[in-house]
Amino acid sequence: MDSNRIAMIRQILNLIFMVGAVIGVLVYFYSNHDTGTYIILASIVFKIIECALRLIKWKD
């Protein structure tokens, strides 16, 4: 895969992670602790995927 394409995918995954984490923290503090925790955990899944893409060595 092209390195520019991987960079774009990583940026999108990072954006999803950051938005999800902020929403999760807001829900955690202002609404329901359990729901906020689940939202944050779901966001972490996107961050793990992004880290995996960063660590994989792509052959062009």
N, C-alpha and C. Protein backbone atom coordinates (compact mmCIF):
# COMPACT_ATOMS: atom_id res chain seq x y z
N MET A 1 0.84 -1.19 0.00
CA MET A 1 0.00 0.00 0.00
C MET A 1 0.87 1.24 0.00
N ASP A 2 0.35 2.29 -0.55
CA ASP A 2 1.06 3.55 -0.61
C ASP A 2 1.18 4.16 0.78
N SER A 3 2.34 4.72 1.08
CA SER A 3 2.55 5.28 2.43
C SER A 3 1.65 6.49 2.69
N ASN A 4 1.31 7.24 1.63
CA ASN A 4 0.39 8.37 1.81
C ASN A 4 -1.01 7.88 2.19
N ARG A 5 -1.41 6.78 1.59
CA ARG A 5 -2.72 6.21 1.91
C ARG A 5 -2.76 5.71 3.35
N ILE A 6 -1.70 5.08 3.79
CA ILE A 6 -1.61 4.61 5.18
C ILE A 6 -1.64 5.79 6.13
N ALA A 7 -0.93 6.86 5.78
CA ALA A 7 -0.92 8.05 6.64
C ALA A 7 -2.32 8.64 6.76
N MET A 8 -3.06 8.67 5.67
CA MET A 8 -4.43 9.19 5.70
C MET A 8 -5.33 8.32 6.58
N ILE A 9 -5.20 7.01 6.44
CA ILE A 9 -5.99 6.08 7.26
C ILE A 9 -5.64 6.25 8.73
N ARG A 10 -4.35 6.41 9.03
CA ARG A 10 -3.92 6.62 10.42
C ARG A 10 -4.49 7.91 10.99
N GLN A 11 -4.50 8.97 10.19
CA GLN A 11 -5.06 10.24 10.66
C GLN A 11 -6.55 10.12 10.95
N ILE A 12 -7.27 9.41 10.10
CA ILE A 12 -8.71 9.21 10.32
C ILE A 12 -8.94 8.41 11.59
N LEU A 13 -8.16 7.35 11.78
CA LEU A 13 -8.29 6.55 13.00
C LEU A 13 -7.96 7.36 14.24
N ASN A 14 -6.94 8.21 14.16
CA ASN A 14 -6.60 9.08 15.29
C ASN A 14 -7.71 10.06 15.59
N LEU A 15 -8.33 10.61 14.54
CA LEU A 15 -9.44 11.53 14.73
C LEU A 15 -10.62 10.84 15.42
N ILE A 16 -10.94 9.63 14.98
CA ILE A 16 -12.01 8.87 15.61
C ILE A 16 -11.69 8.61 17.07
N PHE A 17 -10.44 8.25 17.35
CA PHE A 17 -10.02 8.00 18.73
C PHE A 17 -10.18 9.25 19.60
N MET A 18 -9.68 10.38 19.10
CA MET A 18 -9.72 11.60 19.91
C MET A 18 -11.15 12.07 20.17
N VAL A 19 -11.99 12.05 19.14
CA VAL A 19 -13.38 12.46 19.32
C VAL A 19 -14.09 11.50 20.27
N GLY A 20 -13.88 10.22 20.09
CA GLY A 20 -14.50 9.23 20.97
C GLY A 20 -14.05 9.36 22.42
N ALA A 21 -12.75 9.63 22.60
CA ALA A 21 -12.24 9.77 23.96
C ALA A 21 -12.83 10.99 24.65
N VAL A 22 -12.93 12.11 23.94
CA VAL A 22 -13.52 13.31 24.52
C VAL A 22 -14.99 13.09 24.85
N ILE A 23 -15.72 12.48 23.94
CA ILE A 23 -17.14 12.20 24.20
C ILE A 23 -17.27 11.24 25.37
N GLY A 24 -16.41 10.23 25.42
CA GLY A 24 -16.46 9.27 26.52
C GLY A 24 -16.20 9.91 27.87
N VAL A 25 -15.23 10.82 27.93
CA VAL A 25 -14.94 11.51 29.19
C VAL A 25 -16.11 12.40 29.60
N LEU A 26 -16.68 13.09 28.62
CA LEU A 26 -17.84 13.94 28.95
C LEU A 26 -19.01 13.12 29.46
N VAL A 27 -19.29 12.01 28.81
CA VAL A 27 -20.38 11.14 29.26
C VAL A 27 -20.05 10.57 30.64
N TYR A 28 -18.80 10.20 30.84
CA TYR A 28 -18.39 9.63 32.13
C TYR A 28 -18.64 10.60 33.27
N PHE A 29 -18.24 11.86 33.08
CA PHE A 29 -18.35 12.83 34.17
C PHE A 29 -19.74 13.45 34.32
N TYR A 30 -20.48 13.58 33.21
CA TYR A 30 -21.74 14.30 33.27
C TYR A 30 -22.98 13.42 33.17
N SER A 31 -22.80 12.14 32.90
CA SER A 31 -23.98 11.29 32.74
C SER A 31 -23.79 9.96 33.46
N ASN A 32 -23.41 8.95 32.70
CA ASN A 32 -23.36 7.59 33.22
C ASN A 32 -21.92 7.08 33.17
N HIS A 33 -21.41 6.62 34.30
CA HIS A 33 -20.02 6.14 34.37
C HIS A 33 -19.81 4.90 33.49
N ASP A 34 -20.74 3.97 33.51
CA ASP A 34 -20.57 2.75 32.72
C ASP A 34 -20.54 3.05 31.22
N THR A 35 -21.48 3.85 30.76
CA THR A 35 -21.53 4.18 29.33
C THR A 35 -20.28 4.93 28.91
N GLY A 36 -19.82 5.87 29.72
CA GLY A 36 -18.60 6.60 29.41
C GLY A 36 -17.40 5.68 29.29
N THR A 37 -17.32 4.71 30.19
CA THR A 37 -16.23 3.74 30.15
C THR A 37 -16.27 2.92 28.87
N TYR A 38 -17.45 2.50 28.45
CA TYR A 38 -17.58 1.71 27.22
C TYR A 38 -17.20 2.53 25.99
N ILE A 39 -17.57 3.80 25.98
CA ILE A 39 -17.21 4.66 24.85
C ILE A 39 -15.69 4.83 24.78
N ILE A 40 -15.06 5.05 25.92
CA ILE A 40 -13.60 5.20 25.95
C ILE A 40 -12.92 3.91 25.50
N LEU A 41 -13.41 2.77 25.96
CA LEU A 41 -12.82 1.49 25.55
C LEU A 41 -12.97 1.27 24.05
N ALA A 42 -14.11 1.65 23.49
CA ALA A 42 -14.30 1.51 22.04
C ALA A 42 -13.33 2.43 21.29
N SER A 43 -13.07 3.60 21.84
CA SER A 43 -12.12 4.52 21.22
C SER A 43 -10.71 3.94 21.23
N ILE A 44 -10.36 3.27 22.29
CA ILE A 44 -9.03 2.67 22.41
C ILE A 44 -8.81 1.61 21.34
N VAL A 45 -9.87 0.93 20.93
CA VAL A 45 -9.75 -0.07 19.86
C VAL A 45 -9.24 0.60 18.58
N PHE A 46 -9.77 1.80 18.27
CA PHE A 46 -9.31 2.52 17.09
C PHE A 46 -7.84 2.92 17.23
N LYS A 47 -7.42 3.28 18.42
CA LYS A 47 -6.02 3.64 18.65
C LYS A 47 -5.11 2.43 18.49
N ILE A 48 -5.55 1.27 18.95
CA ILE A 48 -4.76 0.05 18.79
C ILE A 48 -4.59 -0.29 17.31
N ILE A 49 -5.65 -0.13 16.53
CA ILE A 49 -5.57 -0.38 15.09
C ILE A 49 -4.58 0.58 14.44
N GLU A 50 -4.64 1.86 14.86
CA GLU A 50 -3.71 2.85 14.32
C GLU A 50 -2.27 2.49 14.67
N CYS A 51 -2.02 2.06 15.88
CA CYS A 51 -0.67 1.66 16.29
C CYS A 51 -0.19 0.45 15.51
N ALA A 52 -1.08 -0.48 15.25
CA ALA A 52 -0.70 -1.66 14.46
C ALA A 52 -0.30 -1.24 13.05
N LEU A 53 -1.03 -0.30 12.46
CA LEU A 53 -0.67 0.17 11.12
C LEU A 53 0.69 0.88 11.14
N ARG A 54 0.98 1.57 12.22
CA ARG A 54 2.25 2.27 12.34
C ARG A 54 3.41 1.27 12.44
N LEU A 55 3.18 0.17 13.11
CA LEU A 55 4.26 -0.79 13.34
C LEU A 55 4.51 -1.73 12.17
N ILE A 56 3.50 -1.94 11.35
CA ILE A 56 3.64 -2.85 10.21
C ILE A 56 4.52 -2.19 9.16
N LYS A 57 5.46 -2.93 8.66
CA LYS A 57 6.33 -2.44 7.59
C LYS A 57 5.69 -2.79 6.25
N TRP A 58 5.26 -1.78 5.53
CA TRP A 58 4.60 -2.01 4.23
C TRP A 58 5.63 -2.09 3.13
N LYS A 59 5.46 -3.09 2.26
CA LYS A 59 6.33 -3.23 1.10
C LYS A 59 5.65 -2.59 -0.10
N ASP A 60 6.36 -1.69 -0.78
CA ASP A 60 5.77 -1.02 -1.94
C ASP A 60 5.94 -1.84 -3.19
